[in-house]
């Protein structure tokens, strides 16, 4: 097994302002916590250029937190008998979707950036392997990982009981949804059904957040309150304009997208979060083929970076602080079968 030693241990994101996008991606409304083996996230296209506190160029990859190989993880990998697809490399199925989770650099449209590629780099470093990023369509990762085409998938995949039939998981983020409103909105908290009474809320059709929202509307009706109204947009710009112009009161989608957008343009704020599996607990995990021996070594790396601080560096780089987990768990209870 080849051991590669990075020439730097940690790095932080440059704050140089770059022309980028204010993303209120309706594809980002797709549920990370779907209980099927598809549709956790989906690609979208950016719009509405603005100044960004994030460096979205390929140079960002050079600023990723890095670590040296972790002896315990390397030993666990060797003891497992697992052989990488390509010797000396960790072949990772990532996906190019939207900032801040995973996306292509704006200057070359090839380099994968975001929270998931940063975690991928650290996992590869900790295992003593070279990170080999593969831009994989969402629908293609399950067969690719199961068949051994890819060593792992790190692509915003929620742990579910159904997926655990075929894959092993090591968790690294909470699956968090949030409500975003205009920065100057009088709405300052949404945490229960009564808080959405009478509000118009943008939500993605067929998502877990839609299920939650419609359930809250029904609860309001039963309690004699005005239920609220779900609003659906397929056009990203139209959704952003609707919020900015006051035609809708809130957008309910994965927290990563809401938090990133608020950090980029300052025109929105988050007024409430809840777990993406509500009322169950959902977590995002690195996934490997079932029983191939790799997941224990991956979990060792994840717990190491949680303790040593590089994990928090990644979350800070991409405004993902609300999704932090205190430890990486191997195959925890997942969302129930449909």
C-alpha atoms as a PDB file:
ATOM      1  CA  UNK A   1       0.000   0.000   0.000  1.00  0.00           C
ATOM      2  CA  UNK A   2       1.419   3.378  -0.997  1.00  0.00           C
ATOM      3  CA  UNK A   3       1.587   6.010   1.730  1.00  0.00           C
ATOM      4  CA  UNK A   4       1.329   9.585   0.491  1.00  0.00           C
ATOM      5  CA  UNK A   5       2.256  12.401   2.847  1.00  0.00           C
ATOM      6  CA  UNK A   6       0.644  15.772   2.138  1.00  0.00           C
ATOM      7  CA  UNK A   7       2.878  18.830   2.140  1.00  0.00           C
ATOM      8  CA  UNK A   8       0.532  20.739   4.406  1.00  0.00           C
ATOM      9  CA  UNK A   9      -1.650  19.758   7.322  1.00  0.00           C
ATOM     10  CA  UNK A  10      -4.387  22.330   7.317  1.00  0.00           C
ATOM     11  CA  UNK A  11      -5.529  25.245   5.236  1.00  0.00           C
ATOM     12  CA  UNK A  12      -8.353  27.711   5.388  1.00  0.00           C
ATOM     13  CA  UNK A  13     -10.426  29.139   2.618  1.00  0.00           C
ATOM     14  CA  UNK A  14      -9.354  32.433   1.145  1.00  0.00           C
ATOM     15  CA  UNK A  15     -11.938  35.107   1.696  1.00  0.00           C
ATOM     16  CA  UNK A  16     -11.178  36.824  -1.575  1.00  0.00           C
ATOM     17  CA  UNK A  17     -14.425  37.980  -3.116  1.00  0.00           C
ATOM     18  CA  UNK A  18     -15.192  36.097  -6.305  1.00  0.00           C
ATOM     19  CA  UNK A  19     -17.953  36.510  -8.807  1.00  0.00           C
ATOM     20  CA  UNK A  20     -20.339  33.689  -8.090  1.00  0.00           C
ATOM     21  CA  UNK A  21     -23.981  32.867  -7.610  1.00  0.00           C
ATOM     22  CA  UNK A  22     -26.660  33.540  -5.071  1.00  0.00           C
ATOM     23  CA  UNK A  23     -28.149  30.112  -4.999  1.00  0.00           C
ATOM     24  CA  UNK A  24     -31.694  29.424  -3.983  1.00  0.00           C
ATOM     25  CA  UNK A  25     -31.667  26.232  -5.964  1.00  0.00           C
ATOM     26  CA  UNK A  26     -34.957  24.495  -6.247  1.00  0.00           C
ATOM     27  CA  UNK A  27     -33.022  21.343  -6.917  1.00  0.00           C
ATOM     28  CA  UNK A  28     -31.598  21.999  -3.473  1.00  0.00           C
ATOM     29  CA  UNK A  29     -35.151  21.543  -2.238  1.00  0.00           C
ATOM     30  CA  UNK A  30     -34.827  17.851  -3.069  1.00  0.00           C
ATOM     31  CA  UNK A  31     -34.839  15.814   0.129  1.00  0.00           C
ATOM     32  CA  UNK A  32     -31.485  14.650   1.406  1.00  0.00           C
ATOM     33  CA  UNK A  33     -33.502  12.341   3.624  1.00  0.00           C
ATOM     34  CA  UNK A  34     -35.406  10.454   0.969  1.00  0.00           C
ATOM     35  CA  UNK A  35     -35.839   6.852   2.043  1.00  0.00           C
ATOM     36  CA  UNK A  36     -35.393   5.533  -1.484  1.00  0.00           C
ATOM     37  CA  UNK A  37     -31.981   4.809  -3.016  1.00  0.00           C
ATOM     38  CA  UNK A  38     -32.368   7.839  -5.277  1.00  0.00           C
ATOM     39  CA  UNK A  39     -33.217  11.527  -5.192  1.00  0.00           C
ATOM     40  CA  UNK A  40     -31.192  12.640  -2.150  1.00  0.00           C
ATOM     41  CA  UNK A  41     -29.896  15.556  -4.139  1.00  0.00           C
ATOM     42  CA  UNK A  42     -29.774  16.716  -7.703  1.00  0.00           C
ATOM     43  CA  UNK A  43     -27.850  19.027  -9.998  1.00  0.00           C
ATOM     44  CA  UNK A  44     -28.907  22.534 -10.736  1.00  0.00           C
ATOM     45  CA  UNK A  45     -27.590  25.570 -12.535  1.00  0.00           C
ATOM     46  CA  UNK A  46     -26.580  28.798 -10.834  1.00  0.00           C
ATOM     47  CA  UNK A  47     -27.949  32.221 -11.543  1.00  0.00           C
ATOM     48  CA  UNK A  48     -27.880  35.801 -10.230  1.00  0.00           C
ATOM     49  CA  UNK A  49     -24.218  36.736  -9.941  1.00  0.00           C
ATOM     50  CA  UNK A  50     -23.093  38.433  -6.775  1.00  0.00           C
ATOM     51  CA  UNK A  51     -19.977  38.896  -4.675  1.00  0.00           C
ATOM     52  CA  UNK A  52     -19.125  35.875  -2.555  1.00  0.00           C
ATOM     53  CA  UNK A  53     -17.124  35.329   0.639  1.00  0.00           C
ATOM     54  CA  UNK A  54     -16.274  31.888  -0.761  1.00  0.00           C
ATOM     55  CA  UNK A  55     -13.516  31.114  -3.252  1.00  0.00           C
ATOM     56  CA  UNK A  56     -15.248  29.029  -5.912  1.00  0.00           C
ATOM     57  CA  UNK A  57     -12.233  28.723  -8.199  1.00  0.00           C
ATOM     58  CA  UNK A  58     -10.036  25.677  -8.626  1.00  0.00           C
ATOM     59  CA  UNK A  59      -7.457  27.354  -6.362  1.00  0.00           C
ATOM     60  CA  UNK A  60      -9.747  26.502  -3.457  1.00  0.00           C
ATOM     61  CA  UNK A  61      -8.673  22.860  -3.685  1.00  0.00           C
ATOM     62  CA  UNK A  62      -5.161  23.902  -2.648  1.00  0.00           C
ATOM     63  CA  UNK A  63      -6.528  25.383   0.586  1.00  0.00           C
ATOM     64  CA  UNK A  64      -8.278  22.247   1.780  1.00  0.00           C
ATOM     65  CA  UNK A  65      -7.482  20.994   5.278  1.00  0.00           C
ATOM     66  CA  UNK A  66      -5.001  18.122   5.012  1.00  0.00           C
ATOM     67  CA  UNK A  67      -3.674  15.519   7.431  1.00  0.00           C
ATOM     68  CA  UNK A  68      -0.916  12.947   7.565  1.00  0.00           C
ATOM     69  CA  UNK A  69      -1.776   9.234   7.341  1.00  0.00           C
ATOM     70  CA  UNK A  70      -3.279   7.960  10.600  1.00  0.00           C
ATOM     71  CA  UNK A  71      -1.374   4.811  11.650  1.00  0.00           C
ATOM     72  CA  UNK A  72      -4.417   3.230  13.295  1.00  0.00           C
ATOM     73  CA  UNK A  73      -6.537   3.753  10.175  1.00  0.00           C
ATOM     74  CA  UNK A  74      -3.788   2.488   7.848  1.00  0.00           C
ATOM     75  CA  UNK A  75      -3.361  -0.616  10.018  1.00  0.00           C
ATOM     76  CA  UNK A  76      -7.121  -1.233  10.072  1.00  0.00           C
ATOM     77  CA  UNK A  77      -7.238  -0.911   6.296  1.00  0.00           C
ATOM     78  CA  UNK A  78      -4.392  -3.388   5.833  1.00  0.00           C
ATOM     79  CA  UNK A  79      -5.940  -5.837   8.313  1.00  0.00           C
ATOM     80  CA  UNK A  80      -9.291  -5.689   6.543  1.00  0.00           C
ATOM     81  CA  UNK A  81      -7.913  -7.130   3.328  1.00  0.00           C
ATOM     82  CA  UNK A  82      -9.630  -4.410   1.317  1.00  0.00           C
ATOM     83  CA  UNK A  83      -7.907  -3.525  -1.959  1.00  0.00           C
ATOM     84  CA  UNK A  84      -8.623  -0.133  -3.539  1.00  0.00           C
ATOM     85  CA  UNK A  85      -9.920  -0.028  -7.097  1.00  0.00           C
ATOM     86  CA  UNK A  86      -6.643   1.640  -8.092  1.00  0.00           C
ATOM     87  CA  UNK A  87      -3.597   0.790  -5.984  1.00  0.00           C
ATOM     88  CA  UNK A  88      -2.537   3.676  -3.784  1.00  0.00           C
ATOM     89  CA  UNK A  89      -5.709   5.671  -4.464  1.00  0.00           C
ATOM     90  CA  UNK A  90      -9.110   6.133  -2.844  1.00  0.00           C
ATOM     91  CA  UNK A  91     -11.606   6.322  -5.704  1.00  0.00           C
ATOM     92  CA  UNK A  92     -14.507   8.431  -4.456  1.00  0.00           C
ATOM     93  CA  UNK A  93     -17.883   8.842  -6.108  1.00  0.00           C
ATOM     94  CA  UNK A  94     -18.654  12.518  -5.596  1.00  0.00           C
ATOM     95  CA  UNK A  95     -21.334  14.504  -7.380  1.00  0.00           C
ATOM     96  CA  UNK A  96     -21.329  17.972  -8.902  1.00  0.00           C
ATOM     97  CA  UNK A  97     -24.487  19.569  -7.567  1.00  0.00           C
ATOM     98  CA  UNK A  98     -24.670  22.936  -5.813  1.00  0.00           C
ATOM     99  CA  UNK A  99     -22.519  24.833  -3.336  1.00  0.00           C
ATOM    100  CA  UNK A 100     -21.668  24.205  -0.599  1.00  0.00           C
ATOM    101  CA  UNK A 101     -21.901  20.396  -0.646  1.00  0.00           C
ATOM    102  CA  UNK A 102     -20.236  19.544  -3.950  1.00  0.00           C
ATOM    103  CA  UNK A 103     -19.881  21.454  -7.216  1.00  0.00           C
ATOM    104  CA  UNK A 104     -17.489  22.206 -10.070  1.00  0.00           C
ATOM    105  CA  UNK A 105     -15.052  25.122  -9.851  1.00  0.00           C
ATOM    106  CA  UNK A 106     -16.299  28.117 -11.777  1.00  0.00           C
ATOM    107  CA  UNK A 107     -13.002  28.705 -13.600  1.00  0.00           C
ATOM    108  CA  UNK A 108     -12.372  25.222 -15.026  1.00  0.00           C
ATOM    109  CA  UNK A 109     -15.717  23.387 -14.647  1.00  0.00           C
ATOM    110  CA  UNK A 110     -13.714  20.282 -13.693  1.00  0.00           C
ATOM    111  CA  UNK A 111     -12.326  20.555 -10.172  1.00  0.00           C
ATOM    112  CA  UNK A 112     -14.743  19.299  -7.531  1.00  0.00           C
ATOM    113  CA  UNK A 113     -15.124  21.659  -4.580  1.00  0.00           C
ATOM    114  CA  UNK A 114     -17.278  21.820  -1.459  1.00  0.00           C
ATOM    115  CA  UNK A 115     -17.788  20.125   1.868  1.00  0.00           C
ATOM    116  CA  UNK A 116     -17.949  16.584   0.503  1.00  0.00           C
ATOM    117  CA  UNK A 117     -14.744  16.811  -1.579  1.00  0.00           C
ATOM    118  CA  UNK A 118     -12.991  18.319   1.470  1.00  0.00           C
ATOM    119  CA  UNK A 119     -14.108  15.366   3.606  1.00  0.00           C
ATOM    120  CA  UNK A 120     -13.075  13.003   0.808  1.00  0.00           C
ATOM    121  CA  UNK A 121      -9.580  14.496   0.773  1.00  0.00           C
ATOM    122  CA  UNK A 122      -9.207  14.068   4.526  1.00  0.00           C
ATOM    123  CA  UNK A 123     -10.446  10.465   4.441  1.00  0.00           C
ATOM    124  CA  UNK A 124      -7.977   9.620   1.680  1.00  0.00           C
ATOM    125  CA  UNK A 125      -5.139  11.374   3.531  1.00  0.00           C
ATOM    126  CA  UNK A 126      -5.924   9.539   6.749  1.00  0.00           C
ATOM    127  CA  UNK A 127      -5.892   6.183   4.965  1.00  0.00           C
ATOM    128  CA  UNK A 128      -2.545   6.985   3.343  1.00  0.00           C
ATOM    129  CA  UNK A 129      -4.085   7.070  -0.123  1.00  0.00           C
ATOM    130  CA  UNK A 130      -4.333   9.572  -2.944  1.00  0.00           C
ATOM    131  CA  UNK A 131      -7.777  11.145  -3.368  1.00  0.00           C
ATOM    132  CA  UNK A 132      -9.181  10.249  -6.793  1.00  0.00           C
ATOM    133  CA  UNK A 133     -12.365  12.279  -7.269  1.00  0.00           C
ATOM    134  CA  UNK A 134     -14.998  10.968  -9.663  1.00  0.00           C
ATOM    135  CA  UNK A 135     -17.906  13.167 -10.726  1.00  0.00           C
ATOM    136  CA  UNK A 136     -20.747  10.654 -10.630  1.00  0.00           C
ATOM    137  CA  UNK A 137     -24.410  11.242 -11.421  1.00  0.00           C
ATOM    138  CA  UNK A 138     -26.670  10.584  -8.450  1.00  0.00           C
ATOM    139  CA  UNK A 139     -28.420   7.645 -10.099  1.00  0.00           C
ATOM    140  CA  UNK A 140     -25.114   5.915 -10.847  1.00  0.00           C
ATOM    141  CA  UNK A 141     -23.386   5.736  -7.455  1.00  0.00           C
ATOM    142  CA  UNK A 142     -25.301   2.770  -5.944  1.00  0.00           C
ATOM    143  CA  UNK A 143     -24.355   0.278  -8.654  1.00  0.00           C
ATOM    144  CA  UNK A 144     -20.884   1.790  -8.969  1.00  0.00           C
ATOM    145  CA  UNK A 145     -20.097   1.331  -5.275  1.00  0.00           C
ATOM    146  CA  UNK A 146     -21.785  -2.071  -5.004  1.00  0.00           C
ATOM    147  CA  UNK A 147     -19.914  -3.402  -8.049  1.00  0.00           C
ATOM    148  CA  UNK A 148     -16.554  -2.076  -6.874  1.00  0.00           C
ATOM    149  CA  UNK A 149     -16.142   0.584  -9.554  1.00  0.00           C
ATOM    150  CA  UNK A 150     -15.769   3.141  -6.745  1.00  0.00           C
ATOM    151  CA  UNK A 151     -14.288   2.521  -3.296  1.00  0.00           C
ATOM    152  CA  UNK A 152     -16.708   4.842  -1.499  1.00  0.00           C
ATOM    153  CA  UNK A 153     -19.427   7.383  -2.158  1.00  0.00           C
ATOM    154  CA  UNK A 154     -19.262  10.739  -0.367  1.00  0.00           C
ATOM    155  CA  UNK A 155     -22.164  12.575  -1.939  1.00  0.00           C
ATOM    156  CA  UNK A 156     -24.664  13.748   0.688  1.00  0.00           C
ATOM    157  CA  UNK A 157     -26.098  10.246   1.127  1.00  0.00           C
ATOM    158  CA  UNK A 158     -28.548   9.781   3.996  1.00  0.00           C
ATOM    159  CA  UNK A 159     -28.368   6.593   6.065  1.00  0.00           C
ATOM    160  CA  UNK A 160     -31.534   4.538   5.631  1.00  0.00           C
ATOM    161  CA  UNK A 161     -32.418   1.013   6.695  1.00  0.00           C
ATOM    162  CA  UNK A 162     -33.075   0.133   3.053  1.00  0.00           C
ATOM    163  CA  UNK A 163     -29.638   1.326   1.942  1.00  0.00           C
ATOM    164  CA  UNK A 164     -27.960  -0.563   4.781  1.00  0.00           C
ATOM    165  CA  UNK A 165     -28.974  -3.795   3.037  1.00  0.00           C
ATOM    166  CA  UNK A 166     -26.343  -3.033   0.391  1.00  0.00           C
ATOM    167  CA  UNK A 167     -23.958  -0.519   1.952  1.00  0.00           C
ATOM    168  CA  UNK A 168     -22.023   0.170   5.139  1.00  0.00           C
ATOM    169  CA  UNK A 169     -22.058   3.736   6.484  1.00  0.00           C
ATOM    170  CA  UNK A 170     -19.820   5.948   8.604  1.00  0.00           C
ATOM    171  CA  UNK A 171     -21.627   9.161   9.502  1.00  0.00           C
ATOM    172  CA  UNK A 172     -20.108  12.634   9.164  1.00  0.00           C
ATOM    173  CA  UNK A 173     -22.969  15.165   9.121  1.00  0.00           C
ATOM    174  CA  UNK A 174     -26.468  15.574  10.447  1.00  0.00           C
ATOM    175  CA  UNK A 175     -29.171  15.783   7.799  1.00  0.00           C
ATOM    176  CA  UNK A 176     -30.582  19.228   8.560  1.00  0.00           C
ATOM    177  CA  UNK A 177     -33.435  21.166   6.972  1.00  0.00           C
ATOM    178  CA  UNK A 178     -34.087  24.834   7.568  1.00  0.00           C
ATOM    179  CA  UNK A 179     -36.532  27.661   6.950  1.00  0.00           C
ATOM    180  CA  UNK A 180     -35.127  30.798   5.328  1.00  0.00           C
ATOM    181  CA  UNK A 181     -36.902  34.143   5.127  1.00  0.00           C
ATOM    182  CA  UNK A 182     -35.944  37.624   3.908  1.00  0.00           C
ATOM    183  CA  UNK A 183     -33.255  39.219   6.035  1.00  0.00           C
ATOM    184  CA  UNK A 184     -35.665  41.983   7.060  1.00  0.00           C
ATOM    185  CA  UNK A 185     -38.637  39.675   7.652  1.00  0.00           C
ATOM    186  CA  UNK A 186     -40.512  40.019  10.914  1.00  0.00           C
ATOM    187  CA  UNK A 187     -40.547  36.220  11.125  1.00  0.00           C
ATOM    188  CA  UNK A 188     -37.837  35.256  13.598  1.00  0.00           C
ATOM    189  CA  UNK A 189     -38.653  31.653  14.475  1.00  0.00           C
ATOM    190  CA  UNK A 190     -40.219  28.625  12.789  1.00  0.00           C
ATOM    191  CA  UNK A 191     -40.045  25.491  14.894  1.00  0.00           C
ATOM    192  CA  UNK A 192     -43.517  23.953  14.920  1.00  0.00           C
ATOM    193  CA  UNK A 193     -46.753  23.729  12.957  1.00  0.00           C
ATOM    194  CA  UNK A 194     -48.315  26.859  14.423  1.00  0.00           C
ATOM    195  CA  UNK A 195     -45.353  28.914  13.186  1.00  0.00           C
ATOM    196  CA  UNK A 196     -46.243  28.279   9.536  1.00  0.00           C
ATOM    197  CA  UNK A 197     -49.922  29.079   9.987  1.00  0.00           C
ATOM    198  CA  UNK A 198     -50.944  31.438   7.191  1.00  0.00           C
ATOM    199  CA  UNK A 199     -47.500  31.477   5.564  1.00  0.00           C
ATOM    200  CA  UNK A 200     -46.683  30.767   1.926  1.00  0.00           C
ATOM    201  CA  UNK A 201     -43.679  28.439   1.883  1.00  0.00           C
ATOM    202  CA  UNK A 202     -41.608  27.332  -1.102  1.00  0.00           C
ATOM    203  CA  UNK A 203     -40.880  23.611  -0.955  1.00  0.00           C
ATOM    204  CA  UNK A 204     -39.778  20.904  -3.370  1.00  0.00           C
ATOM    205  CA  UNK A 205     -42.409  18.505  -4.659  1.00  0.00           C
ATOM    206  CA  UNK A 206     -42.025  14.889  -3.547  1.00  0.00           C
ATOM    207  CA  UNK A 207     -39.407  15.699  -0.891  1.00  0.00           C
ATOM    208  CA  UNK A 208     -39.300  14.835   2.778  1.00  0.00           C
ATOM    209  CA  UNK A 209     -39.580  18.508   3.620  1.00  0.00           C
ATOM    210  CA  UNK A 210     -42.809  18.689   1.641  1.00  0.00           C
ATOM    211  CA  UNK A 211     -44.133  15.765   3.687  1.00  0.00           C
ATOM    212  CA  UNK A 212     -43.231  17.584   6.909  1.00  0.00           C
ATOM    213  CA  UNK A 213     -44.723  20.881   5.755  1.00  0.00           C
ATOM    214  CA  UNK A 214     -48.004  19.400   4.548  1.00  0.00           C
ATOM    215  CA  UNK A 215     -48.268  17.484   7.827  1.00  0.00           C
ATOM    216  CA  UNK A 216     -47.913  20.755   9.708  1.00  0.00           C
ATOM    217  CA  UNK A 217     -50.603  22.353   7.563  1.00  0.00           C
ATOM    218  CA  UNK A 218     -52.954  19.472   8.378  1.00  0.00           C
ATOM    219  CA  UNK A 219     -52.169  19.861  12.072  1.00  0.00           C
ATOM    220  CA  UNK A 220     -53.037  23.552  11.869  1.00  0.00           C
ATOM    221  CA  UNK A 221     -56.376  22.788  10.244  1.00  0.00           C
ATOM    222  CA  UNK A 222     -57.215  20.297  12.961  1.00  0.00           C
ATOM    223  CA  UNK A 223     -56.386  22.927  15.567  1.00  0.00           C
ATOM    224  CA  UNK A 224     -58.582  25.536  13.919  1.00  0.00           C
ATOM    225  CA  UNK A 225     -55.667  27.577  12.558  1.00  0.00           C
ATOM    226  CA  UNK A 226     -55.127  28.865   9.049  1.00  0.00           C
ATOM    227  CA  UNK A 227     -53.034  26.047   7.562  1.00  0.00           C
ATOM    228  CA  UNK A 228     -50.574  27.815   5.280  1.00  0.00           C
ATOM    229  CA  UNK A 229     -49.798  27.288   1.611  1.00  0.00           C
ATOM    230  CA  UNK A 230     -47.097  25.273  -0.147  1.00  0.00           C
ATOM    231  CA  UNK A 231     -45.657  26.958  -3.236  1.00  0.00           C
ATOM    232  CA  UNK A 232     -43.722  25.143  -5.940  1.00  0.00           C
ATOM    233  CA  UNK A 233     -41.233  26.596  -8.428  1.00  0.00           C
ATOM    234  CA  UNK A 234     -39.222  24.776 -11.050  1.00  0.00           C
ATOM    235  CA  UNK A 235     -37.271  27.884 -12.004  1.00  0.00           C
ATOM    236  CA  UNK A 236     -34.484  28.861  -9.624  1.00  0.00           C
ATOM    237  CA  UNK A 237     -34.560  32.562 -10.425  1.00  0.00           C
ATOM    238  CA  UNK A 238     -38.328  32.710  -9.999  1.00  0.00           C
ATOM    239  CA  UNK A 239     -38.091  31.202  -6.502  1.00  0.00           C
ATOM    240  CA  UNK A 240     -35.379  33.627  -5.427  1.00  0.00           C
ATOM    241  CA  UNK A 241     -37.353  36.563  -6.842  1.00  0.00           C
ATOM    242  CA  UNK A 242     -40.514  35.386  -5.103  1.00  0.00           C
ATOM    243  CA  UNK A 243     -38.782  35.474  -1.718  1.00  0.00           C
ATOM    244  CA  UNK A 244     -37.016  38.766  -2.387  1.00  0.00           C
ATOM    245  CA  UNK A 245     -40.210  40.449  -3.575  1.00  0.00           C
ATOM    246  CA  UNK A 246     -42.316  39.160  -0.699  1.00  0.00           C
ATOM    247  CA  UNK A 247     -44.614  36.964  -2.797  1.00  0.00           C
ATOM    248  CA  UNK A 248     -43.663  34.050  -0.535  1.00  0.00           C
ATOM    249  CA  UNK A 249     -42.797  34.132   3.147  1.00  0.00           C
ATOM    250  CA  UNK A 250     -40.207  31.377   3.438  1.00  0.00           C
ATOM    251  CA  UNK A 251     -38.235  28.667   1.689  1.00  0.00           C
ATOM    252  CA  UNK A 252     -37.969  25.231   3.319  1.00  0.00           C
ATOM    253  CA  UNK A 253     -35.055  23.164   2.024  1.00  0.00           C
ATOM    254  CA  UNK A 254     -31.761  21.526   3.050  1.00  0.00           C
ATOM    255  CA  UNK A 255     -29.959  23.766   5.514  1.00  0.00           C
ATOM    256  CA  UNK A 256     -26.699  23.651   3.591  1.00  0.00           C
ATOM    257  CA  UNK A 257     -28.218  25.557   0.683  1.00  0.00           C
ATOM    258  CA  UNK A 258     -30.037  28.065   2.891  1.00  0.00           C
ATOM    259  CA  UNK A 259     -26.959  28.735   5.045  1.00  0.00           C
ATOM    260  CA  UNK A 260     -24.705  29.135   2.031  1.00  0.00           C
ATOM    261  CA  UNK A 261     -27.105  31.515   0.301  1.00  0.00           C
ATOM    262  CA  UNK A 262     -27.457  33.661   3.409  1.00  0.00           C
ATOM    263  CA  UNK A 263     -23.678  33.846   3.729  1.00  0.00           C
ATOM    264  CA  UNK A 264     -23.243  34.755   0.069  1.00  0.00           C
ATOM    265  CA  UNK A 265     -25.783  37.522  -0.383  1.00  0.00           C
ATOM    266  CA  UNK A 266     -26.978  38.560   3.075  1.00  0.00           C
ATOM    267  CA  UNK A 267     -30.510  38.920   1.736  1.00  0.00           C
ATOM    268  CA  UNK A 268     -31.982  35.998   3.671  1.00  0.00           C
ATOM    269  CA  UNK A 269     -31.733  34.553   7.157  1.00  0.00           C
ATOM    270  CA  UNK A 270     -32.387  31.158   8.734  1.00  0.00           C
ATOM    271  CA  UNK A 271     -35.156  31.181  11.321  1.00  0.00           C
ATOM    272  CA  UNK A 272     -35.488  27.507  12.166  1.00  0.00           C
ATOM    273  CA  UNK A 273     -33.869  24.109  11.672  1.00  0.00           C
ATOM    274  CA  UNK A 274     -34.971  20.522  12.161  1.00  0.00           C
ATOM    275  CA  UNK A 275     -33.616  17.130  11.310  1.00  0.00           C
ATOM    276  CA  UNK A 276     -34.191  16.046   7.731  1.00  0.00           C
ATOM    277  CA  UNK A 277     -35.740  12.782   8.893  1.00  0.00           C
ATOM    278  CA  UNK A 278     -38.237  14.502  11.180  1.00  0.00           C
ATOM    279  CA  UNK A 279     -39.648  13.064  13.356  1.00  0.00           C
ATOM    280  CA  UNK A 280     -36.879  10.468  13.002  1.00  0.00           C
ATOM    281  CA  UNK A 281     -33.153  11.286  13.175  1.00  0.00           C
ATOM    282  CA  UNK A 282     -31.317  11.264   9.857  1.00  0.00           C
ATOM    283  CA  UNK A 283     -27.565  11.430   9.289  1.00  0.00           C
ATOM    284  CA  UNK A 284     -25.342  11.718   6.233  1.00  0.00           C
ATOM    285  CA  UNK A 285     -22.682   9.065   5.796  1.00  0.00           C
ATOM    286  CA  UNK A 286     -19.743   7.845   3.776  1.00  0.00           C
ATOM    287  CA  UNK A 287     -20.930   4.637   2.126  1.00  0.00           C
ATOM    288  CA  UNK A 288     -18.967   1.558   1.054  1.00  0.00           C
ATOM    289  CA  UNK A 289     -20.050  -1.760  -0.396  1.00  0.00           C
ATOM    290  CA  UNK A 290     -21.529  -3.977   2.298  1.00  0.00           C
ATOM    291  CA  UNK A 291     -18.970  -6.052   4.164  1.00  0.00           C
ATOM    292  CA  UNK A 292     -15.894  -5.068   2.128  1.00  0.00           C
ATOM    293  CA  UNK A 293     -13.971  -4.124   5.292  1.00  0.00           C
ATOM    294  CA  UNK A 294     -13.317  -0.478   4.431  1.00  0.00           C
ATOM    295  CA  UNK A 295     -15.853   1.268   6.652  1.00  0.00           C
ATOM    296  CA  UNK A 296     -14.078   0.727   9.980  1.00  0.00           C
ATOM    297  CA  UNK A 297     -10.913   2.394   8.713  1.00  0.00           C
ATOM    298  CA  UNK A 298     -12.974   5.272   7.284  1.00  0.00           C
ATOM    299  CA  UNK A 299     -14.695   5.757  10.626  1.00  0.00           C
ATOM    300  CA  UNK A 300     -11.323   5.894  12.412  1.00  0.00           C
ATOM    301  CA  UNK A 301     -10.282   8.741  10.116  1.00  0.00           C
ATOM    302  CA  UNK A 302     -13.550  10.619  10.593  1.00  0.00           C
ATOM    303  CA  UNK A 303     -13.346  10.387  14.379  1.00  0.00           C
ATOM    304  CA  UNK A 304      -9.720  11.514  14.255  1.00  0.00           C
ATOM    305  CA  UNK A 305     -10.512  14.679  12.286  1.00  0.00           C
ATOM    306  CA  UNK A 306     -13.495  15.421  14.538  1.00  0.00           C
ATOM    307  CA  UNK A 307     -11.152  15.358  17.549  1.00  0.00           C
ATOM    308  CA  UNK A 308      -8.223  17.144  15.914  1.00  0.00           C
ATOM    309  CA  UNK A 309     -10.183  19.998  14.347  1.00  0.00           C
ATOM    310  CA  UNK A 310      -9.888  19.538  10.588  1.00  0.00           C
ATOM    311  CA  UNK A 311     -13.524  18.454  10.498  1.00  0.00           C
ATOM    312  CA  UNK A 312     -14.610  21.775  11.989  1.00  0.00           C
ATOM    313  CA  UNK A 313     -12.355  23.554   9.503  1.00  0.00           C
ATOM    314  CA  UNK A 314     -14.343  21.982   6.672  1.00  0.00           C
ATOM    315  CA  UNK A 315     -17.681  22.947   8.197  1.00  0.00           C
ATOM    316  CA  UNK A 316     -16.468  26.508   8.740  1.00  0.00           C
ATOM    317  CA  UNK A 317     -15.226  26.760   5.150  1.00  0.00           C
ATOM    318  CA  UNK A 318     -18.696  26.040   3.776  1.00  0.00           C
ATOM    319  CA  UNK A 319     -21.102  27.431   6.411  1.00  0.00           C
ATOM    320  CA  UNK A 320     -22.108  23.917   7.505  1.00  0.00           C
ATOM    321  CA  UNK A 321     -21.613  24.396  11.246  1.00  0.00           C
ATOM    322  CA  UNK A 322     -25.240  23.504  12.065  1.00  0.00           C
ATOM    323  CA  UNK A 323     -24.708  20.005  10.635  1.00  0.00           C
ATOM    324  CA  UNK A 324     -21.801  18.942  12.849  1.00  0.00           C
ATOM    325  CA  UNK A 325     -21.831  15.532  14.552  1.00  0.00           C
ATOM    326  CA  UNK A 326     -19.888  14.780  17.771  1.00  0.00           C
ATOM    327  CA  UNK A 327     -18.636  11.430  16.468  1.00  0.00           C
ATOM    328  CA  UNK A 328     -18.750   9.170  13.438  1.00  0.00           C
ATOM    329  CA  UNK A 329     -20.970   6.128  13.906  1.00  0.00           C
ATOM    330  CA  UNK A 330     -20.796   2.940  11.864  1.00  0.00           C
ATOM    331  CA  UNK A 331     -24.184   1.772  10.586  1.00  0.00           C
ATOM    332  CA  UNK A 332     -26.378   3.637  13.093  1.00  0.00           C
ATOM    333  CA  UNK A 333     -30.169   3.270  12.899  1.00  0.00           C
ATOM    334  CA  UNK A 334     -31.242   4.754   9.569  1.00  0.00           C
ATOM    335  CA  UNK A 335     -34.512   6.187   8.375  1.00  0.00           C
ATOM    336  CA  UNK A 336     -37.254   3.539   8.380  1.00  0.00           C
ATOM    337  CA  UNK A 337     -38.139   1.544   5.318  1.00  0.00           C
ATOM    338  CA  UNK A 338     -40.920   3.097   3.237  1.00  0.00           C
END
